[in-house]
């Protein structure tokens, strides 16, 4: 959420979704027997939570020649507020999420694991866009890494794990070497042919 948008602002860089992290998730653990006791369905819980936890535009207001959009912010600040979301109101009293479920923090199932120097890590790939110079993109990233590091918490390290431009540089150097070698051999062949002279 913090690093990827920073890379996306760099010229010539695209930043796909990160790899290897565990996304923090709110887990609402519904108890089936409680649902049956109140004659409720899981869809009713989903609908109630969606309606109670929203950020949506309510309209605009005219203020001195400007018309800012006024949002209605009903997003909960504490996840336990979700437990107080009403599911149904009736003559026998209201039924809340807490009556049929527990609310807590969890993380999504880890399907992919990433490690860097033997430690758990999250990889954010910074790819060059089409028709961009890979070396200019690399320099742009290196010039901003120190700034990016200052925006992160102290216990989070931002390191360069893999640099494809190094391999590209090696290939270019090898290609230049082979090209110069071919020119040198070409001149040697011409010199040898001219020294032999015409034959009759």
Protein backbone atom coordinates (compact mmCIF):
# COMPACT_ATOMS: atom_id res chain seq x y z
CA UNK A 1 0.00 0.00 0.00
CA UNK A 2 2.92 2.38 0.56
CA UNK A 3 5.76 1.19 -1.67
CA UNK A 4 3.99 0.15 -4.84
CA UNK A 5 2.35 3.57 -5.48
CA UNK A 6 5.77 5.23 -5.04
CA UNK A 7 7.29 3.07 -7.79
CA UNK A 8 4.29 3.67 -10.03
CA UNK A 9 5.05 7.42 -9.99
CA UNK A 10 8.48 6.93 -11.56
CA UNK A 11 8.84 7.65 -15.30
CA UNK A 12 8.84 4.52 -17.43
CA UNK A 13 7.99 2.19 -14.52
CA UNK A 14 5.01 -0.08 -14.06
CA UNK A 15 4.50 -1.74 -10.68
CA UNK A 16 2.37 -4.93 -10.72
CA UNK A 17 0.76 -6.16 -7.49
CA UNK A 18 3.22 -7.33 -4.82
CA UNK A 19 4.12 -10.97 -4.26
CA UNK A 20 4.65 -12.96 -1.07
CA UNK A 21 2.80 -10.89 1.52
CA UNK A 22 0.01 -11.77 3.91
CA UNK A 23 -2.80 -9.26 3.51
CA UNK A 24 -4.41 -8.23 6.79
CA UNK A 25 -8.07 -9.20 6.74
CA UNK A 26 -11.11 -8.73 8.94
CA UNK A 27 -12.55 -12.15 9.74
CA UNK A 28 -16.22 -12.48 10.62
CA UNK A 29 -16.66 -16.01 11.91
CA UNK A 30 -20.35 -16.88 11.66
CA UNK A 31 -21.78 -19.60 13.91
CA UNK A 32 -24.25 -21.72 11.87
CA UNK A 33 -26.33 -22.76 14.89
CA UNK A 34 -26.83 -19.10 15.87
CA UNK A 35 -27.84 -18.25 12.30
CA UNK A 36 -30.46 -20.99 12.35
CA UNK A 37 -31.73 -19.88 15.75
CA UNK A 38 -32.44 -16.39 14.38
CA UNK A 39 -33.56 -17.70 10.97
CA UNK A 40 -30.89 -15.69 9.16
CA UNK A 41 -28.77 -16.43 6.09
CA UNK A 42 -25.11 -15.57 5.36
CA UNK A 43 -26.28 -13.31 2.51
CA UNK A 44 -28.23 -11.18 4.99
CA UNK A 45 -25.05 -10.66 7.01
CA UNK A 46 -23.08 -9.69 3.90
CA UNK A 47 -25.79 -7.22 2.86
CA UNK A 48 -25.99 -5.64 6.31
CA UNK A 49 -22.20 -5.25 6.57
CA UNK A 50 -21.96 -3.77 3.07
CA UNK A 51 -24.64 -1.20 3.81
CA UNK A 52 -23.21 -0.29 7.22
CA UNK A 53 -19.56 0.12 6.12
CA UNK A 54 -19.57 2.45 3.12
CA UNK A 55 -17.98 5.61 1.83
CA UNK A 56 -20.16 7.12 -0.87
CA UNK A 57 -20.88 10.54 -2.40
CA UNK A 58 -24.01 12.17 -1.02
CA UNK A 59 -24.09 15.04 -3.51
CA UNK A 60 -22.48 18.43 -3.96
CA UNK A 61 -22.82 21.82 -2.32
CA UNK A 62 -22.27 25.29 -3.77
CA UNK A 63 -19.57 27.12 -1.81
CA UNK A 64 -18.33 30.38 -3.28
CA UNK A 65 -18.48 29.30 -6.89
CA UNK A 66 -17.15 25.81 -6.17
CA UNK A 67 -19.17 22.61 -5.93
CA UNK A 68 -17.28 20.07 -3.80
CA UNK A 69 -18.71 16.57 -3.52
CA UNK A 70 -19.86 15.78 0.01
CA UNK A 71 -19.23 12.16 1.00
CA UNK A 72 -21.12 10.07 3.49
CA UNK A 73 -18.46 8.25 5.48
CA UNK A 74 -19.86 5.28 7.35
CA UNK A 75 -16.60 3.31 7.37
CA UNK A 76 -15.93 1.85 10.82
CA UNK A 77 -12.82 3.03 12.67
CA UNK A 78 -12.75 0.06 15.03
CA UNK A 79 -13.48 -3.41 13.65
CA UNK A 80 -15.51 -4.22 16.74
CA UNK A 81 -18.00 -1.63 15.49
CA UNK A 82 -18.91 -4.25 12.88
CA UNK A 83 -20.17 -6.47 15.69
CA UNK A 84 -22.78 -3.78 16.49
CA UNK A 85 -24.22 -3.75 12.95
CA UNK A 86 -27.93 -4.62 13.16
CA UNK A 87 -29.11 -7.53 11.06
CA UNK A 88 -32.80 -7.41 11.83
CA UNK A 89 -35.18 -5.40 13.96
CA UNK A 90 -38.40 -6.89 15.27
CA UNK A 91 -40.93 -6.94 18.05
CA UNK A 92 -38.65 -9.21 20.09
CA UNK A 93 -35.66 -6.87 19.73
CA UNK A 94 -32.86 -6.30 17.25
CA UNK A 95 -30.38 -8.94 16.15
CA UNK A 96 -26.78 -7.78 15.74
CA UNK A 97 -23.72 -9.32 14.10
CA UNK A 98 -22.32 -10.07 17.56
CA UNK A 99 -25.33 -12.31 18.22
CA UNK A 100 -24.38 -14.71 15.42
CA UNK A 101 -20.66 -14.15 14.79
CA UNK A 102 -17.30 -13.02 16.18
CA UNK A 103 -15.22 -10.29 14.57
CA UNK A 104 -11.41 -10.24 14.61
CA UNK A 105 -8.21 -9.71 12.67
CA UNK A 106 -6.76 -12.45 10.48
CA UNK A 107 -4.67 -12.80 7.35
CA UNK A 108 -5.45 -14.39 4.03
CA UNK A 109 -4.20 -17.89 3.36
CA UNK A 110 -0.56 -17.82 2.22
CA UNK A 111 -0.55 -19.36 -1.25
CA UNK A 112 2.85 -17.98 -2.18
CA UNK A 113 5.90 -17.47 0.00
CA UNK A 114 8.75 -15.08 -0.76
CA UNK A 115 12.11 -14.98 1.00
CA UNK A 116 15.05 -12.58 0.74
CA UNK A 117 18.34 -13.62 2.35
CA UNK A 118 16.43 -16.35 4.20
CA UNK A 119 13.81 -14.01 5.69
CA UNK A 120 10.12 -13.56 4.83
CA UNK A 121 9.73 -10.76 2.33
CA UNK A 122 7.34 -9.07 -0.04
CA UNK A 123 8.51 -8.52 -3.61
CA UNK A 124 7.40 -5.43 -5.49
CA UNK A 125 8.42 -5.67 -9.12
CA UNK A 126 9.37 -2.44 -10.88
CA UNK A 127 9.10 -3.20 -14.60
CA UNK A 128 10.13 -0.96 -17.43
CA UNK A 129 7.31 0.08 -19.73
CA UNK A 130 7.47 -0.62 -23.46
CA UNK A 131 10.04 1.42 -25.41
CA UNK A 132 11.73 2.63 -22.23
CA UNK A 133 15.48 2.48 -21.68
CA UNK A 134 16.16 -0.05 -18.94
CA UNK A 135 19.24 1.82 -17.72
CA UNK A 136 17.36 5.13 -17.44
CA UNK A 137 14.59 3.34 -15.52
CA UNK A 138 17.14 1.76 -13.19
CA UNK A 139 18.80 5.13 -12.50
CA UNK A 140 15.41 6.70 -11.80
CA UNK A 141 14.70 4.00 -9.23
CA UNK A 142 18.12 4.25 -7.59
CA UNK A 143 17.84 8.05 -7.34
CA UNK A 144 14.59 7.76 -5.36
CA UNK A 145 15.24 4.69 -3.16
CA UNK A 146 16.56 6.74 -0.23
CA UNK A 147 13.46 8.93 -0.35
CA UNK A 148 11.20 5.88 -0.47
CA UNK A 149 12.95 4.33 2.53
CA UNK A 150 12.22 7.42 4.64
CA UNK A 151 8.47 6.93 4.16
CA UNK A 152 8.49 3.41 5.65
CA UNK A 153 8.32 2.29 9.29
CA UNK A 154 11.68 1.67 10.95
CA UNK A 155 11.20 -2.11 11.03
CA UNK A 156 10.64 -2.33 7.25
CA UNK A 157 13.64 -2.51 4.93
CA UNK A 158 13.51 -1.69 1.23
CA UNK A 159 16.25 -3.52 -0.67
CA UNK A 160 17.09 -4.16 -4.31
CA UNK A 161 16.63 -7.92 -4.61
CA UNK A 162 17.12 -8.47 -8.33
CA UNK A 163 18.36 -6.18 -11.08
CA UNK A 164 17.73 -7.39 -14.62
CA UNK A 165 19.68 -4.46 -16.08
CA UNK A 166 22.93 -6.11 -14.91
CA UNK A 167 22.28 -9.06 -17.24
CA UNK A 168 21.30 -6.70 -20.06
CA UNK A 169 24.58 -4.80 -19.58
CA UNK A 170 26.57 -8.06 -19.72
CA UNK A 171 24.82 -9.05 -22.96
CA UNK A 172 25.50 -5.65 -24.50
CA UNK A 173 29.15 -5.78 -23.48
CA UNK A 174 29.46 -9.26 -25.00
CA UNK A 175 27.74 -8.09 -28.17
CA UNK A 176 30.12 -5.11 -28.46
CA UNK A 177 33.08 -7.43 -27.90
CA UNK A 178 31.88 -9.84 -30.60
CA UNK A 179 31.22 -6.95 -33.00
CA UNK A 180 34.72 -5.52 -32.54
CA UNK A 181 36.21 -8.99 -32.89
CA UNK A 182 34.32 -9.55 -36.15
CA UNK A 183 35.61 -6.22 -37.51
CA UNK A 184 39.17 -7.11 -36.48
CA UNK A 185 38.93 -10.54 -38.12
CA UNK A 186 37.44 -8.96 -41.24
CA UNK A 187 40.39 -6.59 -41.58
CA UNK A 188 42.83 -9.45 -40.98
CA UNK A 189 41.15 -11.47 -43.72
CA UNK A 190 41.36 -8.55 -46.17
CA UNK A 191 45.02 -8.01 -45.35
CA UNK A 192 45.79 -11.70 -45.91
CA UNK A 193 43.91 -11.75 -49.21
CA UNK A 194 45.72 -8.66 -50.49
CA UNK A 195 49.15 -10.03 -49.51
CA UNK A 196 48.60 -13.20 -51.53
CA UNK A 197 47.93 -11.21 -54.67
CA UNK A 198 46.28 -12.35 -57.91
CA UNK A 199 46.97 -15.78 -59.29
CA UNK A 200 47.20 -16.72 -62.97
